[in-house]
Amino acid sequence: MAKRKPANTESRVRTTVKAPMTTGNSLAALRSAAKGCRNCELWKDATQTVFGEGPARARVLVVGEQPGNEEDLQGRPFVGSAGKLFDKAIAELGLDRSAMYVTNAVKHFRFEMRGKFRLHRSPASAHVRACHAWLEGELSRIKPDIVVCLGAIAAKAVFGSGFGLMRERGTWQELPGGARGFATVHPSWVLRQRDSAGREQAYRDFVADLELLVESRS
């Protein structure tokens, strides 16, 4: 992969959405309020709200797309197959997930039934907008130094609708308040590659993007 160059996204950084709910200043208060979120219809079929987890003062905040089936059932982000692949990648780089705050742009699982199975459906832009106040609340309370976006939906939620994932993956982006971030593919995209050679190359490229976290510590 070509080495990344710094990029400035001041003209298309995310727009702050005023929270439609009243919460306390703590992350715990925000999490508690999110349990009763009715900002869109996804709560009706989902098992529960899947809020972020990790240290309240994490240096690195990771944003994914939405909970999957396992996350919906367990109430925790990134515990399914995609989460396990992410864990494998950061462990390979000598990084500790327990030091990171991990969340999603959308907090409820969107799916369709196929027989007895619940199949993932990508959230619509309306769902991302409805959930944006929760993500903004997490960012404003945690104040991370670095934001890592996994997948296009997360990247657009953080960097703005003009962000092109495959064009700008693995490049540093400036964020308000002095933080910076970058985007890479969602680990589920790696798992969806058709053959073992394609999956291996996609995984190696994914790890190469995440190496920015290692470089940021030096």
Protein backbone atom coordinates (compact mmCIF):
# COMPACT_ATOMS: atom_id res chain seq x y z
CA MET A 1 0.00 0.00 0.00
CA ALA A 2 1.12 3.56 -0.66
CA LYS A 3 2.32 5.36 2.44
CA ARG A 4 -0.08 7.86 3.85
CA LYS A 5 0.17 11.59 3.72
CA PRO A 6 -1.40 13.93 6.27
CA ALA A 7 -4.69 15.43 5.21
CA ASN A 8 -6.66 18.40 6.42
CA THR A 9 -10.43 18.01 6.63
CA GLU A 10 -11.38 21.31 8.24
CA SER A 11 -13.81 22.04 5.39
CA ARG A 12 -15.78 18.83 5.95
CA VAL A 13 -15.47 17.84 9.57
CA ARG A 14 -18.50 16.42 11.30
CA THR A 15 -21.31 18.75 12.26
CA THR A 16 -22.28 18.74 15.91
CA VAL A 17 -25.88 17.64 16.42
CA LYS A 18 -27.70 18.98 19.41
CA ALA A 19 -28.66 16.10 21.67
CA PRO A 20 -32.44 15.60 21.81
CA MET A 21 -32.13 14.27 25.34
CA THR A 22 -31.07 15.72 28.69
CA THR A 23 -28.22 13.87 30.37
CA GLY A 24 -25.66 14.45 33.07
CA ASN A 25 -22.09 15.30 32.24
CA SER A 26 -20.69 11.83 32.89
CA LEU A 27 -20.23 9.02 30.42
CA ALA A 28 -22.27 6.77 32.72
CA ALA A 29 -25.20 9.21 32.55
CA LEU A 30 -24.98 9.25 28.77
CA ARG A 31 -24.93 5.45 28.63
CA SER A 32 -27.95 5.28 30.91
CA ALA A 33 -29.89 7.76 28.77
CA ALA A 34 -29.05 5.87 25.58
CA LYS A 35 -30.75 2.75 26.93
CA GLY A 36 -34.09 4.45 26.38
CA CYS A 37 -33.29 5.95 22.97
CA ARG A 38 -36.30 6.19 20.63
CA ASN A 39 -34.77 8.56 18.07
CA CYS A 40 -35.45 6.13 15.22
CA GLU A 41 -37.37 2.89 14.73
CA LEU A 42 -34.43 0.48 15.16
CA TRP A 43 -35.05 0.07 18.89
CA LYS A 44 -38.33 -1.74 18.20
CA ASP A 45 -36.73 -4.94 16.89
CA ALA A 46 -33.31 -4.79 18.54
CA THR A 47 -32.68 -6.64 21.79
CA GLN A 48 -31.04 -3.64 23.43
CA THR A 49 -28.99 -0.51 22.95
CA VAL A 50 -25.33 -1.39 22.45
CA PHE A 51 -23.36 1.52 23.87
CA GLY A 52 -19.59 1.96 23.74
CA GLU A 53 -17.23 0.53 26.31
CA GLY A 54 -13.74 1.27 27.53
CA PRO A 55 -11.87 3.75 29.71
CA ALA A 56 -13.57 7.07 30.25
CA ARG A 57 -10.30 8.85 29.40
CA ALA A 58 -9.10 6.57 26.61
CA ARG A 59 -6.40 7.98 24.34
CA VAL A 60 -7.84 6.07 21.36
CA LEU A 61 -11.54 5.92 20.47
CA VAL A 62 -12.62 3.37 17.83
CA VAL A 63 -15.88 3.85 15.89
CA GLY A 64 -17.53 1.04 13.95
CA GLU A 65 -20.78 0.89 12.01
CA GLN A 66 -23.48 -0.73 14.15
CA PRO A 67 -23.90 -3.75 16.42
CA GLY A 68 -24.18 -7.16 14.79
CA ASN A 69 -26.15 -10.16 15.96
CA GLU A 70 -23.74 -11.14 18.75
CA GLU A 71 -23.34 -7.57 19.92
CA ASP A 72 -27.11 -7.12 20.04
CA LEU A 73 -27.51 -10.26 22.15
CA GLN A 74 -24.60 -9.54 24.51
CA GLY A 75 -25.02 -5.77 24.72
CA ARG A 76 -21.32 -5.15 24.01
CA PRO A 77 -19.60 -3.72 20.90
CA PHE A 78 -17.24 -5.74 18.69
CA VAL A 79 -17.66 -9.19 20.27
CA GLY A 80 -18.64 -11.05 17.07
CA SER A 81 -16.43 -12.31 14.24
CA ALA A 82 -15.52 -8.79 13.07
CA GLY A 83 -14.58 -7.82 16.61
CA LYS A 84 -12.39 -10.89 16.96
CA LEU A 85 -10.57 -9.99 13.75
CA PHE A 86 -10.01 -6.46 15.04
CA ASP A 87 -8.67 -7.88 18.31
CA LYS A 88 -6.30 -10.13 16.37
CA ALA A 89 -5.00 -7.21 14.28
CA ILE A 90 -4.27 -4.89 17.20
CA ALA A 91 -2.73 -7.72 19.23
CA GLU A 92 -0.40 -8.39 16.29
CA LEU A 93 0.71 -4.76 16.58
CA GLY A 94 1.26 -5.05 20.32
CA LEU A 95 -1.74 -2.89 21.19
CA ASP A 96 -4.22 -3.43 24.02
CA ARG A 97 -7.92 -3.16 23.25
CA SER A 98 -8.73 -2.70 26.94
CA ALA A 99 -6.97 0.68 26.77
CA MET A 100 -9.27 1.82 23.92
CA TYR A 101 -12.86 3.02 23.94
CA VAL A 102 -14.85 1.11 21.32
CA THR A 103 -18.26 2.17 20.03
CA ASN A 104 -20.45 2.36 16.91
CA ALA A 105 -21.99 5.15 14.87
CA VAL A 106 -25.40 3.47 15.33
CA LYS A 107 -26.32 1.87 18.66
CA HIS A 108 -29.07 -0.56 17.59
CA PHE A 109 -28.82 -3.62 15.33
CA ARG A 110 -30.56 -3.28 11.96
CA PHE A 111 -31.42 -6.62 10.42
CA GLU A 112 -33.91 -8.58 8.34
CA MET A 113 -35.19 -12.06 9.10
CA ARG A 114 -34.23 -14.85 6.73
CA GLY A 115 -35.94 -17.91 8.07
CA LYS A 116 -34.70 -18.23 11.66
CA PHE A 117 -31.67 -16.04 11.05
CA ARG A 118 -31.22 -12.31 11.53
CA LEU A 119 -29.18 -10.95 8.62
CA HIS A 120 -27.27 -7.70 8.92
CA ARG A 121 -28.61 -4.67 7.03
CA SER A 122 -26.53 -1.53 6.76
CA PRO A 123 -28.02 1.42 8.65
CA ALA A 124 -29.53 4.20 6.58
CA SER A 125 -28.25 7.75 6.77
CA ALA A 126 -31.34 8.63 8.83
CA HIS A 127 -30.28 6.09 11.46
CA VAL A 128 -26.77 7.54 11.59
CA ARG A 129 -28.20 11.04 12.02
CA ALA A 130 -30.58 9.86 14.73
CA CYS A 131 -27.69 8.33 16.68
CA HIS A 132 -25.16 11.08 16.05
CA ALA A 133 -25.84 12.88 19.32
CA TRP A 134 -24.79 9.76 21.25
CA LEU A 135 -21.52 9.53 19.34
CA GLU A 136 -20.89 13.24 19.83
CA GLY A 137 -21.59 12.77 23.51
CA GLU A 138 -19.01 9.99 23.75
CA LEU A 139 -16.41 12.03 21.88
CA SER A 140 -16.99 15.15 23.97
CA ARG A 141 -16.77 13.28 27.27
CA ILE A 142 -13.81 11.03 26.48
CA LYS A 143 -11.80 13.63 24.55
CA PRO A 144 -9.56 11.10 22.80
CA ASP A 145 -6.31 12.07 21.13
CA ILE A 146 -7.01 9.70 18.24
CA VAL A 147 -10.23 8.49 16.58
CA VAL A 148 -10.11 5.35 14.42
CA CYS A 149 -13.04 4.81 12.05
CA LEU A 150 -13.76 1.30 10.82
CA GLY A 151 -15.73 1.40 7.58
CA ALA A 152 -17.33 4.09 5.45
CA ILE A 153 -20.37 4.67 7.66
CA ALA A 154 -18.20 5.39 10.69
CA ALA A 155 -15.83 7.55 8.65
CA LYS A 156 -18.62 9.71 7.25
CA ALA A 157 -20.17 10.04 10.71
CA VAL A 158 -16.89 11.43 12.07
CA PHE A 159 -15.18 13.14 9.11
CA GLY A 160 -18.20 14.24 7.12
CA SER A 161 -20.26 13.03 4.16
CA GLY A 162 -17.58 13.99 1.64
CA PHE A 163 -15.05 11.51 3.02
CA GLY A 164 -14.06 8.79 0.56
CA LEU A 165 -12.93 5.68 2.41
CA MET A 166 -11.00 3.87 -0.31
CA ARG A 167 -9.46 7.15 -1.47
CA GLU A 168 -8.44 8.39 1.98
CA ARG A 169 -8.02 5.29 4.13
CA GLY A 170 -4.90 5.25 6.24
CA THR A 171 -4.35 9.02 6.14
CA TRP A 172 -4.40 11.29 9.15
CA GLN A 173 -7.32 13.70 9.36
CA GLU A 174 -7.52 16.75 11.63
CA LEU A 175 -10.46 17.02 14.01
CA PRO A 176 -11.79 19.89 16.10
CA GLY A 177 -10.17 20.41 19.47
CA GLY A 178 -6.74 19.16 18.48
CA ALA A 179 -7.56 15.49 18.03
CA ARG A 180 -6.78 13.62 14.84
CA GLY A 181 -8.05 10.43 13.28
CA PHE A 182 -7.93 8.05 10.37
CA ALA A 183 -10.19 5.51 8.71
CA THR A 184 -9.72 1.99 7.45
CA VAL A 185 -12.05 -0.73 6.24
CA HIS A 186 -14.44 -2.47 8.60
CA PRO A 187 -13.12 -5.90 9.62
CA SER A 188 -16.34 -7.46 8.32
CA TRP A 189 -15.27 -6.32 4.83
CA VAL A 190 -12.06 -8.28 5.24
CA LEU A 191 -14.06 -11.38 6.20
CA ARG A 192 -16.30 -11.00 3.15
CA GLN A 193 -13.49 -11.38 0.62
CA ARG A 194 -14.21 -14.33 -1.65
CA ASP A 195 -11.09 -16.46 -1.29
CA SER A 196 -8.33 -17.03 1.22
CA ALA A 197 -5.75 -15.07 -0.81
CA GLY A 198 -8.07 -12.06 -1.02
CA ARG A 199 -8.86 -12.23 2.68
CA GLU A 200 -5.19 -12.46 3.59
CA GLN A 201 -4.27 -9.44 1.46
CA ALA A 202 -7.20 -7.45 2.82
CA TYR A 203 -6.16 -8.37 6.36
CA ARG A 204 -2.54 -7.34 5.78
CA ASP A 205 -3.71 -3.98 4.37
CA PHE A 206 -6.01 -3.56 7.38
CA VAL A 207 -3.12 -4.16 9.78
CA ALA A 208 -0.94 -1.75 7.78
CA ASP A 209 -3.54 1.00 8.28
CA LEU A 210 -3.72 0.30 12.02
CA GLU A 211 0.06 0.67 12.24
CA LEU A 212 -0.63 4.40 12.41
CA LEU A 213 -1.54 3.76 16.05
CA VAL A 214 1.93 2.37 16.69
CA GLU A 215 3.58 5.26 14.87
CA SER A 216 1.55 7.77 16.89
CA ARG A 217 3.19 6.60 20.11
CA SER A 218 6.73 7.38 18.92
